[in-house]
Amino acid sequence: MAYTSFFRDTDALNAISGIVIPALSHWRSIRVWDAGCATGEEPFTLAILFATRLRPFPFRNLDILATDYEESNFPQFADQIRAARYSRQDVFWVPQDLREQYFEATADPEVFQVAEEIRAKVRYLQHDLLTQPAPETGQGLIVCKNVLMHFTPEQQVKVLAMFHQCLVPGGYLALDGNQALPDACAGWFQRVEAGAPLFRKAD
């Protein structure tokens, strides 16, 4: 199973919180694609970040598409995300104030459920980055962490071309800190800030 956790990869999250969310906050429709969402901790983390940084009205306009294709684990990923229920250990890294605000207790004291206002912002779709066409275009932010490293250079270029197609002009791409862009993608994206795994679709 793919490894993931809430509030993982602080460099990317800080860049999204400090740069991307303010840039998208005035958009009529704020669309985010988390490509490689595993069991959902990452897209729910993104929704929480947007909730803490946006006013109520623009937060209403947020839509997060969470996709993954892990044949051996499907439909577990889908079931986990749609239930949005996580163990006490799973939510350990969620700051306490955010845990109290955005998670609800359940009948089982060891299980917490993501609050409805956050759950409502995340949609799940099974999608294979290598064999299926882009699920949706018009994205303001695409997040893809710990996925491209498993692909060949040619496959990476194919997927990054899809991301480029799906982003609106000036849209953002967040990768993991160790991921470099292939030379074949030169000119597609510009690094937003030195040391941050955040790129912007080039004009």
N, C-alpha and C. Protein backbone atom coordinates (compact mmCIF):
# COMPACT_ATOMS: atom_id res chain seq x y z
N MET A 1 0.84 -1.20 0.00
CA MET A 1 0.00 0.00 0.00
C MET A 1 0.87 1.24 0.00
N ALA A 2 0.43 2.28 -0.68
CA ALA A 2 1.16 3.54 -0.72
C ALA A 2 1.18 4.16 0.68
N TYR A 3 2.33 4.76 1.01
CA TYR A 3 2.45 5.41 2.31
C TYR A 3 2.00 6.86 2.20
N THR A 4 1.23 7.31 3.16
CA THR A 4 0.81 8.70 3.20
C THR A 4 0.46 9.05 4.64
N SER A 5 0.26 10.32 4.90
CA SER A 5 -0.15 10.75 6.24
C SER A 5 -0.69 12.17 6.14
N PHE A 6 -1.40 12.58 7.18
CA PHE A 6 -1.87 13.95 7.25
C PHE A 6 -0.68 14.89 7.46
N PHE A 7 -0.74 16.04 6.82
CA PHE A 7 0.25 17.12 6.98
C PHE A 7 1.68 16.63 6.75
N ARG A 8 1.82 15.78 5.74
CA ARG A 8 3.13 15.30 5.34
C ARG A 8 3.77 16.29 4.37
N ASP A 9 5.10 16.38 4.39
CA ASP A 9 5.87 17.21 3.46
C ASP A 9 5.59 18.69 3.70
N THR A 10 6.15 19.21 4.77
CA THR A 10 5.85 20.58 5.18
C THR A 10 6.35 21.62 4.17
N ASP A 11 7.42 21.34 3.43
CA ASP A 11 7.90 22.31 2.45
C ASP A 11 6.83 22.59 1.40
N ALA A 12 6.25 21.53 0.86
CA ALA A 12 5.20 21.70 -0.14
C ALA A 12 3.97 22.36 0.46
N LEU A 13 3.57 21.93 1.66
CA LEU A 13 2.37 22.49 2.28
C LEU A 13 2.56 23.96 2.61
N ASN A 14 3.75 24.34 3.08
CA ASN A 14 4.01 25.75 3.38
C ASN A 14 3.94 26.60 2.11
N ALA A 15 4.47 26.04 1.00
CA ALA A 15 4.42 26.78 -0.27
C ALA A 15 2.98 26.93 -0.76
N ILE A 16 2.19 25.86 -0.62
CA ILE A 16 0.79 25.94 -1.02
C ILE A 16 0.04 26.94 -0.15
N SER A 17 0.28 26.89 1.15
CA SER A 17 -0.42 27.77 2.08
C SER A 17 -0.03 29.23 1.88
N GLY A 18 1.27 29.47 1.69
CA GLY A 18 1.75 30.84 1.62
C GLY A 18 1.70 31.49 0.25
N ILE A 19 1.71 30.67 -0.81
CA ILE A 19 1.78 31.22 -2.16
C ILE A 19 0.53 30.90 -2.97
N VAL A 20 0.17 29.62 -3.03
CA VAL A 20 -0.90 29.20 -3.93
C VAL A 20 -2.27 29.67 -3.45
N ILE A 21 -2.58 29.40 -2.19
CA ILE A 21 -3.92 29.73 -1.70
C ILE A 21 -4.21 31.23 -1.81
N PRO A 22 -3.28 32.12 -1.40
CA PRO A 22 -3.57 33.55 -1.62
C PRO A 22 -3.77 33.89 -3.09
N ALA A 23 -3.01 33.23 -3.99
CA ALA A 23 -3.13 33.53 -5.41
C ALA A 23 -4.48 33.09 -5.97
N LEU A 24 -5.02 32.00 -5.43
CA LEU A 24 -6.28 31.46 -5.94
C LEU A 24 -7.51 31.97 -5.18
N SER A 25 -7.29 32.71 -4.12
CA SER A 25 -8.39 33.04 -3.20
C SER A 25 -9.49 33.87 -3.85
N HIS A 26 -9.18 34.60 -4.92
CA HIS A 26 -10.19 35.46 -5.56
C HIS A 26 -10.80 34.81 -6.80
N TRP A 27 -10.43 33.56 -7.08
CA TRP A 27 -10.98 32.88 -8.24
C TRP A 27 -12.43 32.48 -7.99
N ARG A 28 -13.22 32.54 -9.04
CA ARG A 28 -14.63 32.15 -8.91
C ARG A 28 -14.75 30.65 -8.64
N SER A 29 -13.88 29.87 -9.25
CA SER A 29 -13.86 28.42 -9.04
C SER A 29 -12.44 28.00 -8.72
N ILE A 30 -12.23 27.40 -7.55
CA ILE A 30 -10.90 26.97 -7.12
C ILE A 30 -10.84 25.46 -7.26
N ARG A 31 -10.14 25.00 -8.29
CA ARG A 31 -10.12 23.58 -8.61
C ARG A 31 -8.73 23.02 -8.36
N VAL A 32 -8.68 21.89 -7.64
CA VAL A 32 -7.43 21.26 -7.24
C VAL A 32 -7.50 19.79 -7.62
N TRP A 33 -6.41 19.27 -8.17
CA TRP A 33 -6.31 17.84 -8.48
C TRP A 33 -5.17 17.24 -7.68
N ASP A 34 -5.47 16.29 -6.81
CA ASP A 34 -4.45 15.53 -6.09
C ASP A 34 -4.29 14.20 -6.81
N ALA A 35 -3.23 14.07 -7.58
CA ALA A 35 -2.99 12.88 -8.40
C ALA A 35 -2.08 11.92 -7.62
N GLY A 36 -2.66 10.87 -7.09
CA GLY A 36 -1.92 9.92 -6.26
C GLY A 36 -2.30 10.11 -4.80
N CYS A 37 -3.60 10.08 -4.54
CA CYS A 37 -4.11 10.46 -3.22
C CYS A 37 -4.09 9.34 -2.19
N ALA A 38 -3.83 8.09 -2.63
CA ALA A 38 -3.82 6.94 -1.71
C ALA A 38 -5.11 6.92 -0.89
N THR A 39 -4.98 6.84 0.43
CA THR A 39 -6.16 6.67 1.28
C THR A 39 -6.78 7.99 1.75
N GLY A 40 -6.35 9.10 1.17
CA GLY A 40 -7.09 10.34 1.37
C GLY A 40 -6.52 11.36 2.34
N GLU A 41 -5.49 11.00 3.09
CA GLU A 41 -4.97 11.96 4.05
C GLU A 41 -4.50 13.26 3.39
N GLU A 42 -3.88 13.13 2.22
CA GLU A 42 -3.37 14.32 1.55
C GLU A 42 -4.46 15.26 1.03
N PRO A 43 -5.46 14.78 0.29
CA PRO A 43 -6.49 15.71 -0.16
C PRO A 43 -7.27 16.34 0.99
N PHE A 44 -7.48 15.60 2.07
CA PHE A 44 -8.17 16.20 3.21
C PHE A 44 -7.27 17.24 3.89
N THR A 45 -5.97 17.00 3.92
CA THR A 45 -5.04 18.01 4.42
C THR A 45 -5.13 19.27 3.59
N LEU A 46 -5.18 19.11 2.27
CA LEU A 46 -5.29 20.28 1.39
C LEU A 46 -6.59 21.04 1.67
N ALA A 47 -7.69 20.32 1.84
CA ALA A 47 -8.96 20.97 2.12
C ALA A 47 -8.90 21.74 3.44
N ILE A 48 -8.24 21.18 4.43
CA ILE A 48 -8.10 21.87 5.71
C ILE A 48 -7.26 23.12 5.56
N LEU A 49 -6.17 23.03 4.79
CA LEU A 49 -5.34 24.21 4.55
C LEU A 49 -6.15 25.33 3.91
N PHE A 50 -6.93 24.99 2.89
CA PHE A 50 -7.75 26.00 2.24
C PHE A 50 -8.78 26.57 3.21
N ALA A 51 -9.35 25.71 4.05
CA ALA A 51 -10.35 26.18 5.02
C ALA A 51 -9.76 27.18 6.00
N THR A 52 -8.51 26.97 6.39
CA THR A 52 -7.89 27.87 7.37
C THR A 52 -7.45 29.18 6.74
N ARG A 53 -7.25 29.20 5.42
CA ARG A 53 -6.72 30.40 4.77
C ARG A 53 -7.76 31.19 4.00
N LEU A 54 -8.89 30.58 3.68
CA LEU A 54 -9.91 31.25 2.89
C LEU A 54 -11.06 31.73 3.76
N ARG A 55 -11.72 32.77 3.33
CA ARG A 55 -12.96 33.18 3.97
C ARG A 55 -14.06 32.22 3.54
N PRO A 56 -15.18 32.19 4.26
CA PRO A 56 -16.23 31.20 3.96
C PRO A 56 -16.71 31.21 2.51
N PHE A 57 -16.89 32.39 1.92
CA PHE A 57 -17.45 32.42 0.56
C PHE A 57 -16.50 31.78 -0.46
N PRO A 58 -15.21 32.17 -0.54
CA PRO A 58 -14.34 31.49 -1.51
C PRO A 58 -14.14 30.02 -1.18
N PHE A 59 -14.21 29.63 0.09
CA PHE A 59 -14.06 28.21 0.43
C PHE A 59 -15.21 27.41 -0.17
N ARG A 60 -16.37 28.02 -0.30
CA ARG A 60 -17.50 27.34 -0.94
C ARG A 60 -17.18 26.97 -2.38
N ASN A 61 -16.26 27.70 -3.00
CA ASN A 61 -15.93 27.48 -4.41
C ASN A 61 -14.82 26.45 -4.60
N LEU A 62 -14.34 25.84 -3.53
CA LEU A 62 -13.24 24.87 -3.61
C LEU A 62 -13.76 23.50 -4.02
N ASP A 63 -13.05 22.88 -4.96
CA ASP A 63 -13.38 21.52 -5.40
C ASP A 63 -12.07 20.75 -5.58
N ILE A 64 -11.89 19.68 -4.82
CA ILE A 64 -10.67 18.88 -4.87
C ILE A 64 -10.99 17.53 -5.48
N LEU A 65 -10.35 17.24 -6.60
CA LEU A 65 -10.46 15.93 -7.24
C LEU A 65 -9.29 15.08 -6.77
N ALA A 66 -9.59 13.99 -6.09
CA ALA A 66 -8.56 13.07 -5.57
C ALA A 66 -8.57 11.80 -6.40
N THR A 67 -7.46 11.49 -7.04
CA THR A 67 -7.40 10.31 -7.89
C THR A 67 -6.24 9.41 -7.52
N ASP A 68 -6.43 8.14 -7.80
CA ASP A 68 -5.35 7.17 -7.63
C ASP A 68 -5.73 5.92 -8.42
N TYR A 69 -4.72 5.13 -8.74
CA TYR A 69 -4.98 3.84 -9.35
C TYR A 69 -3.99 2.86 -8.76
N GLU A 70 -4.46 2.06 -7.85
CA GLU A 70 -3.64 1.06 -7.17
C GLU A 70 -4.46 -0.22 -7.18
N GLU A 71 -4.27 -1.00 -8.23
CA GLU A 71 -5.17 -2.12 -8.49
C GLU A 71 -5.28 -3.07 -7.30
N SER A 72 -4.15 -3.33 -6.63
CA SER A 72 -4.16 -4.30 -5.54
C SER A 72 -4.94 -3.80 -4.33
N ASN A 73 -5.12 -2.47 -4.24
CA ASN A 73 -5.79 -1.89 -3.07
C ASN A 73 -7.17 -1.34 -3.37
N PHE A 74 -7.56 -1.32 -4.63
CA PHE A 74 -8.89 -0.80 -4.96
C PHE A 74 -9.92 -1.90 -4.70
N PRO A 75 -11.06 -1.65 -4.05
CA PRO A 75 -11.61 -0.31 -3.80
C PRO A 75 -11.30 0.24 -2.41
N GLN A 76 -10.26 -0.24 -1.75
CA GLN A 76 -9.97 0.24 -0.39
C GLN A 76 -9.75 1.74 -0.37
N PHE A 77 -9.01 2.28 -1.35
CA PHE A 77 -8.77 3.71 -1.38
C PHE A 77 -10.09 4.47 -1.44
N ALA A 78 -10.95 4.07 -2.35
CA ALA A 78 -12.23 4.75 -2.52
C ALA A 78 -13.07 4.66 -1.24
N ASP A 79 -13.13 3.49 -0.65
CA ASP A 79 -13.92 3.30 0.56
C ASP A 79 -13.38 4.16 1.70
N GLN A 80 -12.06 4.22 1.84
CA GLN A 80 -11.44 5.00 2.91
C GLN A 80 -11.76 6.48 2.76
N ILE A 81 -11.61 6.99 1.54
CA ILE A 81 -11.84 8.42 1.32
C ILE A 81 -13.30 8.78 1.52
N ARG A 82 -14.18 7.97 1.02
CA ARG A 82 -15.60 8.29 1.14
C ARG A 82 -16.09 8.19 2.57
N ALA A 83 -15.52 7.28 3.35
CA ALA A 83 -15.88 7.19 4.77
C ALA A 83 -15.20 8.28 5.58
N ALA A 84 -13.97 8.65 5.18
CA ALA A 84 -13.19 9.70 5.84
C ALA A 84 -13.02 9.43 7.33
N ARG A 85 -12.80 8.17 7.67
CA ARG A 85 -12.61 7.77 9.06
C ARG A 85 -11.17 7.29 9.24
N TYR A 86 -10.52 7.81 10.28
CA TYR A 86 -9.10 7.53 10.50
C TYR A 86 -8.83 7.25 11.97
N SER A 87 -7.83 6.44 12.20
CA SER A 87 -7.50 6.05 13.57
C SER A 87 -6.81 7.20 14.31
N ARG A 88 -6.73 7.06 15.62
CA ARG A 88 -6.04 8.05 16.43
C ARG A 88 -4.58 8.19 15.98
N GLN A 89 -3.97 7.08 15.61
CA GLN A 89 -2.60 7.11 15.13
C GLN A 89 -2.50 7.86 13.80
N ASP A 90 -3.49 7.68 12.93
CA ASP A 90 -3.50 8.37 11.64
C ASP A 90 -3.52 9.89 11.79
N VAL A 91 -4.27 10.38 12.78
CA VAL A 91 -4.43 11.84 12.93
C VAL A 91 -3.41 12.44 13.89
N PHE A 92 -2.40 11.65 14.26
CA PHE A 92 -1.41 12.10 15.24
C PHE A 92 -0.72 13.40 14.82
N TRP A 93 -0.41 13.53 13.51
CA TRP A 93 0.35 14.68 13.04
C TRP A 93 -0.53 15.88 12.71
N VAL A 94 -1.81 15.77 12.90
CA VAL A 94 -2.69 16.93 12.70
C VAL A 94 -2.56 17.83 13.92
N PRO A 95 -2.22 19.11 13.74
CA PRO A 95 -2.14 20.02 14.89
C PRO A 95 -3.42 19.95 15.72
N GLN A 96 -3.27 20.02 17.03
CA GLN A 96 -4.40 19.78 17.92
C GLN A 96 -5.57 20.71 17.65
N ASP A 97 -5.28 21.99 17.38
CA ASP A 97 -6.40 22.92 17.15
C ASP A 97 -7.16 22.56 15.89
N LEU A 98 -6.44 22.09 14.86
CA LEU A 98 -7.11 21.69 13.63
C LEU A 98 -7.84 20.37 13.80
N ARG A 99 -7.29 19.50 14.62
CA ARG A 99 -7.97 18.23 14.90
C ARG A 99 -9.29 18.48 15.60
N GLU A 100 -9.29 19.42 16.53
CA GLU A 100 -10.52 19.72 17.27
C GLU A 100 -11.55 20.40 16.37
N GLN A 101 -11.08 21.17 15.39
CA GLN A 101 -12.00 21.92 14.55
C GLN A 101 -12.52 21.12 13.36
N TYR A 102 -11.67 20.27 12.80
CA TYR A 102 -12.01 19.63 11.53
C TYR A 102 -12.16 18.11 11.59
N PHE A 103 -12.19 17.56 12.79
CA PHE A 103 -12.45 16.13 12.95
C PHE A 103 -13.52 15.94 14.01
N GLU A 104 -14.32 14.88 13.82
CA GLU A 104 -15.42 14.60 14.73
C GLU A 104 -15.19 13.26 15.41
N ALA A 105 -15.58 13.18 16.67
CA ALA A 105 -15.49 11.92 17.40
C ALA A 105 -16.53 10.94 16.85
N THR A 106 -16.24 9.66 16.97
CA THR A 106 -17.17 8.62 16.56
C THR A 106 -17.50 7.74 17.76
N ALA A 107 -18.34 6.74 17.55
CA ALA A 107 -18.68 5.84 18.65
C ALA A 107 -17.46 5.08 19.15
N ASP A 108 -16.47 4.91 18.30
CA ASP A 108 -15.21 4.28 18.68
C ASP A 108 -14.23 5.37 19.08
N PRO A 109 -13.78 5.41 20.33
CA PRO A 109 -12.89 6.49 20.78
C PRO A 109 -11.54 6.50 20.07
N GLU A 110 -11.22 5.43 19.35
CA GLU A 110 -9.95 5.37 18.63
C GLU A 110 -10.09 5.77 17.16
N VAL A 111 -11.29 6.19 16.76
CA VAL A 111 -11.54 6.54 15.37
C VAL A 111 -12.13 7.94 15.28
N PHE A 112 -11.62 8.72 14.33
CA PHE A 112 -12.11 10.08 14.11
C PHE A 112 -12.56 10.20 12.65
N GLN A 113 -13.58 11.03 12.44
CA GLN A 113 -14.08 11.26 11.08
C GLN A 113 -13.84 12.70 10.69
N VAL A 114 -13.38 12.89 9.46
CA VAL A 114 -13.19 14.24 8.94
C VAL A 114 -14.53 14.95 8.93
N ALA A 115 -14.54 16.21 9.34
CA ALA A 115 -15.78 16.98 9.43
C ALA A 115 -16.44 17.10 8.06
N GLU A 116 -17.74 17.20 8.08
CA GLU A 116 -18.53 17.23 6.83
C GLU A 116 -18.11 18.37 5.92
N GLU A 117 -17.81 19.54 6.47
CA GLU A 117 -17.46 20.68 5.61
C GLU A 117 -16.18 20.42 4.83
N ILE A 118 -15.30 19.56 5.36
CA ILE A 118 -14.08 19.19 4.66
C ILE A 118 -14.34 18.02 3.71
N ARG A 119 -15.08 17.04 4.17
CA ARG A 119 -15.41 15.88 3.32
C ARG A 119 -16.10 16.32 2.04
N ALA A 120 -16.95 17.33 2.15
CA ALA A 120 -17.74 17.76 1.00
C ALA A 120 -16.90 18.37 -0.11
N LYS A 121 -15.65 18.71 0.19
CA LYS A 121 -14.80 19.35 -0.80
C LYS A 121 -13.96 18.36 -1.60
N VAL A 122 -13.99 17.08 -1.23
CA VAL A 122 -13.11 16.09 -1.85
C VAL A 122 -13.93 15.05 -2.60
N ARG A 123 -13.64 14.88 -3.90
CA ARG A 123 -14.25 13.84 -4.71
C ARG A 123 -13.18 12.82 -5.08
N TYR A 124 -13.54 11.53 -5.10
CA TYR A 124 -12.58 10.49 -5.47
C TYR A 124 -12.92 9.91 -6.83
N LEU A 125 -11.86 9.67 -7.62
CA LEU A 125 -12.01 9.04 -8.92
C LEU A 125 -10.83 8.11 -9.15
N GLN A 126 -11.12 6.88 -9.55
CA GLN A 126 -10.04 5.97 -9.91
C GLN A 126 -9.49 6.41 -11.27
N HIS A 127 -8.17 6.60 -11.34
CA HIS A 127 -7.57 7.11 -12.58
C HIS A 127 -6.13 6.63 -12.69
N ASP A 128 -5.80 6.10 -13.85
CA ASP A 128 -4.44 5.64 -14.14
C ASP A 128 -3.74 6.72 -14.95
N LEU A 129 -2.70 7.32 -14.38
CA LEU A 129 -2.00 8.41 -15.04
C LEU A 129 -1.34 8.00 -16.35
N LEU A 130 -1.00 6.71 -16.47
CA LEU A 130 -0.24 6.26 -17.63
C LEU A 130 -1.12 5.79 -18.79
N THR A 131 -2.35 5.37 -18.51
CA THR A 131 -3.17 4.77 -19.57
C THR A 131 -4.46 5.51 -19.86
N GLN A 132 -4.87 6.43 -18.99
CA GLN A 132 -6.15 7.11 -19.18
C GLN A 132 -5.94 8.58 -19.52
N PRO A 133 -6.83 9.18 -20.29
CA PRO A 133 -6.72 10.61 -20.58
C PRO A 133 -6.97 11.43 -19.32
N ALA A 134 -6.66 12.70 -19.42
CA ALA A 134 -6.85 13.60 -18.28
C ALA A 134 -8.29 13.53 -17.78
N PRO A 135 -8.49 13.39 -16.48
CA PRO A 135 -9.87 13.28 -15.97
C PRO A 135 -10.64 14.59 -16.08
N GLU A 136 -9.98 15.72 -15.81
CA GLU A 136 -10.62 17.03 -15.86
C GLU A 136 -9.56 18.08 -16.14
N THR A 137 -9.92 19.12 -16.83
CA THR A 137 -9.01 20.24 -17.06
C THR A 137 -9.45 21.42 -16.20
N GLY A 138 -8.78 22.55 -16.36
CA GLY A 138 -9.16 23.76 -15.64
C GLY A 138 -8.70 23.79 -14.20
N GLN A 139 -7.60 23.10 -13.89
CA GLN A 139 -7.12 23.03 -12.52
C GLN A 139 -6.25 24.24 -12.18
N GLY A 140 -6.44 24.78 -10.99
CA GLY A 140 -5.57 25.85 -10.51
C GLY A 140 -4.35 25.33 -9.80
N LEU A 141 -4.45 24.12 -9.25
CA LEU A 141 -3.35 23.48 -8.54
C LEU A 141 -3.42 21.99 -8.76
N ILE A 142 -2.28 21.40 -9.10
CA ILE A 142 -2.15 19.95 -9.15
C ILE A 142 -1.08 19.54 -8.16
N VAL A 143 -1.39 18.57 -7.33
CA VAL A 143 -0.45 18.03 -6.36
C VAL A 143 -0.15 16.59 -6.74
N CYS A 144 1.12 16.26 -6.89
CA CYS A 144 1.51 14.89 -7.25
C CYS A 144 2.83 14.58 -6.54
N LYS A 145 2.72 13.89 -5.43
CA LYS A 145 3.91 13.61 -4.61
C LYS A 145 4.16 12.11 -4.51
N ASN A 146 5.43 11.75 -4.61
CA ASN A 146 5.86 10.36 -4.45
C ASN A 146 5.21 9.44 -5.47
N VAL A 147 4.99 9.95 -6.66
CA VAL A 147 4.40 9.16 -7.75
C VAL A 147 5.36 9.08 -8.93
N LEU A 148 5.81 10.24 -9.41
CA LEU A 148 6.64 10.26 -10.61
C LEU A 148 7.93 9.49 -10.45
N MET A 149 8.44 9.38 -9.25
CA MET A 149 9.69 8.66 -9.01
C MET A 149 9.61 7.18 -9.42
N HIS A 150 8.39 6.67 -9.49
CA HIS A 150 8.19 5.26 -9.85
C HIS A 150 8.08 5.06 -11.36
N PHE A 151 8.10 6.16 -12.13
CA PHE A 151 7.93 6.07 -13.58
C PHE A 151 9.27 6.22 -14.28
N THR A 152 9.32 5.72 -15.51
CA THR A 152 10.49 5.93 -16.35
C THR A 152 10.53 7.40 -16.78
N PRO A 153 11.70 7.88 -17.26
CA PRO A 153 11.75 9.28 -17.74
C PRO A 153 10.71 9.57 -18.81
N GLU A 154 10.49 8.63 -19.72
CA GLU A 154 9.50 8.84 -20.78
C GLU A 154 8.09 8.93 -20.19
N GLN A 155 7.80 8.10 -19.20
CA GLN A 155 6.49 8.14 -18.56
C GLN A 155 6.31 9.44 -17.78
N GLN A 156 7.36 9.91 -17.15
CA GLN A 156 7.29 11.18 -16.42
C GLN A 156 6.92 12.32 -17.36
N VAL A 157 7.54 12.35 -18.52
CA VAL A 157 7.24 13.40 -19.49
C VAL A 157 5.78 13.32 -19.93
N LYS A 158 5.30 12.11 -20.15
CA LYS A 158 3.90 11.92 -20.57
C LYS A 158 2.95 12.46 -19.51
N VAL A 159 3.22 12.15 -18.24
CA VAL A 159 2.34 12.60 -17.17
C VAL A 159 2.43 14.11 -16.98
N LEU A 160 3.64 14.66 -17.04
CA LEU A 160 3.80 16.10 -16.89
C LEU A 160 3.14 16.86 -18.03
N ALA A 161 3.12 16.27 -19.23
CA ALA A 161 2.40 16.88 -20.34
C ALA A 161 0.90 16.93 -20.04
N MET A 162 0.38 15.88 -19.41
CA MET A 162 -1.02 15.87 -19.01
C MET A 162 -1.29 16.96 -17.97
N PHE A 163 -0.40 17.08 -17.00
CA PHE A 163 -0.57 18.11 -15.98
C PHE A 163 -0.56 19.50 -16.62
N HIS A 164 0.36 19.71 -17.56
CA HIS A 164 0.45 21.00 -18.23
C HIS A 164 -0.85 21.31 -18.96
N GLN A 165 -1.42 20.30 -19.59
CA GLN A 165 -2.69 20.46 -20.31
C GLN A 165 -3.82 20.81 -19.34
N CYS A 166 -3.80 20.20 -18.16
CA CYS A 166 -4.93 20.35 -17.23
C CYS A 166 -4.90 21.65 -16.45
N LEU A 167 -3.72 22.26 -16.31
CA LEU A 167 -3.61 23.50 -15.54
C LEU A 167 -4.10 24.70 -16.35
N VAL A 168 -4.77 25.60 -15.68
CA VAL A 168 -5.11 26.87 -16.31
C VAL A 168 -3.82 27.68 -16.48
N PRO A 169 -3.80 28.70 -17.33
CA PRO A 169 -2.62 29.56 -17.44
C PRO A 169 -2.23 30.12 -16.07
N GLY A 170 -0.98 29.94 -15.71
CA GLY A 170 -0.52 30.41 -14.41
C GLY A 170 -0.82 29.49 -13.26
N GLY A 171 -1.40 28.31 -13.56
CA GLY A 171 -1.71 27.35 -12.50
C GLY A 171 -0.44 26.74 -11.89
N TYR A 172 -0.61 26.10 -10.75
CA TYR A 172 0.52 25.62 -9.96
C TYR A 172 0.61 24.10 -9.95
N LEU A 173 1.85 23.61 -9.84
CA LEU A 173 2.14 22.19 -9.73
C LEU A 173 3.03 21.98 -8.52
N ALA A 174 2.58 21.17 -7.56
CA ALA A 174 3.36 20.86 -6.37
C ALA A 174 3.82 19.40 -6.43
N LEU A 175 5.13 19.20 -6.34
CA LEU A 175 5.72 17.87 -6.35
C LEU A 175 6.38 17.61 -5.00
N ASP A 176 6.98 16.42 -4.85
CA ASP A 176 7.75 16.18 -3.64
C ASP A 176 9.15 16.79 -3.80
N GLY A 177 9.81 17.03 -2.70
CA GLY A 177 11.06 17.78 -2.71
C GLY A 177 12.18 17.16 -3.51
N ASN A 178 12.16 15.85 -3.73
CA ASN A 178 13.24 15.18 -4.43
C ASN A 178 13.00 15.04 -5.93
N GLN A 179 11.88 15.53 -6.42
CA GLN A 179 11.52 15.33 -7.82
C GLN A 179 12.02 16.48 -8.68
N ALA A 180 12.87 16.15 -9.66
CA ALA A 180 13.33 17.13 -10.63
C ALA A 180 12.55 16.96 -11.92
N LEU A 181 12.36 18.05 -12.65
CA LEU A 181 11.64 17.99 -13.91
C LEU A 181 12.58 17.50 -15.02
N PRO A 182 12.14 16.58 -15.85
CA PRO A 182 12.97 16.12 -16.97
C PRO A 182 13.31 17.26 -17.92
N ASP A 183 14.47 17.14 -18.58
CA ASP A 183 14.89 18.18 -19.52
C ASP A 183 13.86 18.37 -20.63
N ALA A 184 13.17 17.30 -21.00
CA ALA A 184 12.18 17.38 -22.08
C ALA A 184 11.02 18.30 -21.73
N CYS A 185 10.87 18.64 -20.45
CA CYS A 185 9.77 19.51 -20.01
C CYS A 185 10.21 20.96 -19.85
N ALA A 186 11.43 21.25 -20.28
CA ALA A 186 11.94 22.62 -20.14
C ALA A 186 11.00 23.59 -20.84
N GLY A 187 10.68 24.65 -20.14
CA GLY A 187 9.78 25.66 -20.70
C GLY A 187 8.33 25.46 -20.36
N TRP A 188 7.97 24.30 -19.81
CA TRP A 188 6.58 24.05 -19.45
C TRP A 188 6.22 24.69 -18.11
N PHE A 189 7.17 24.60 -17.16
CA PHE A 189 6.91 25.07 -15.80
C PHE A 189 8.09 25.92 -15.32
N GLN A 190 7.81 26.84 -14.43
CA GLN A 190 8.83 27.65 -13.79
C GLN A 190 8.78 27.43 -12.28
N ARG A 191 9.96 27.21 -11.67
CA ARG A 191 9.98 27.06 -10.22
C ARG A 191 9.58 28.38 -9.57
N VAL A 192 8.69 28.31 -8.60
CA VAL A 192 8.14 29.52 -8.00
C VAL A 192 9.08 30.12 -6.97
N GLU A 193 9.71 29.26 -6.19
CA GLU A 193 10.56 29.74 -5.10
C GLU A 193 11.71 28.77 -4.90
N ALA A 194 12.90 29.28 -4.78
CA ALA A 194 14.08 28.43 -4.61
C ALA A 194 13.92 27.53 -3.38
N GLY A 195 14.17 26.24 -3.57
CA GLY A 195 14.10 25.31 -2.45
C GLY A 195 12.73 24.74 -2.19
N ALA A 196 11.71 25.28 -2.83
CA ALA A 196 10.34 24.79 -2.63
C ALA A 196 9.93 23.94 -3.83
N PRO A 197 9.29 22.80 -3.60
CA PRO A 197 8.87 21.92 -4.70
C PRO A 197 7.59 22.40 -5.37
N LEU A 198 7.57 23.68 -5.74
CA LEU A 198 6.38 24.29 -6.31
C LEU A 198 6.73 24.95 -7.64
N PHE A 199 5.92 24.65 -8.66
CA PHE A 199 6.16 25.18 -10.00
C PHE A 199 4.87 25.86 -10.50
N ARG A 200 5.06 26.73 -11.48
CA ARG A 200 3.93 27.42 -12.08
C ARG A 200 3.96 27.20 -13.58
N LYS A 201 2.79 26.97 -14.15
CA LYS A 201 2.71 26.79 -15.60
C LYS A 201 3.21 28.03 -16.30
N ALA A 202 4.18 27.83 -17.19
CA ALA A 202 4.78 28.96 -17.88
C ALA A 202 3.79 29.57 -18.87
N ASP A 203 3.93 30.86 -19.10
CA ASP A 203 3.06 31.56 -20.05
C ASP A 203 3.34 31.07 -21.48
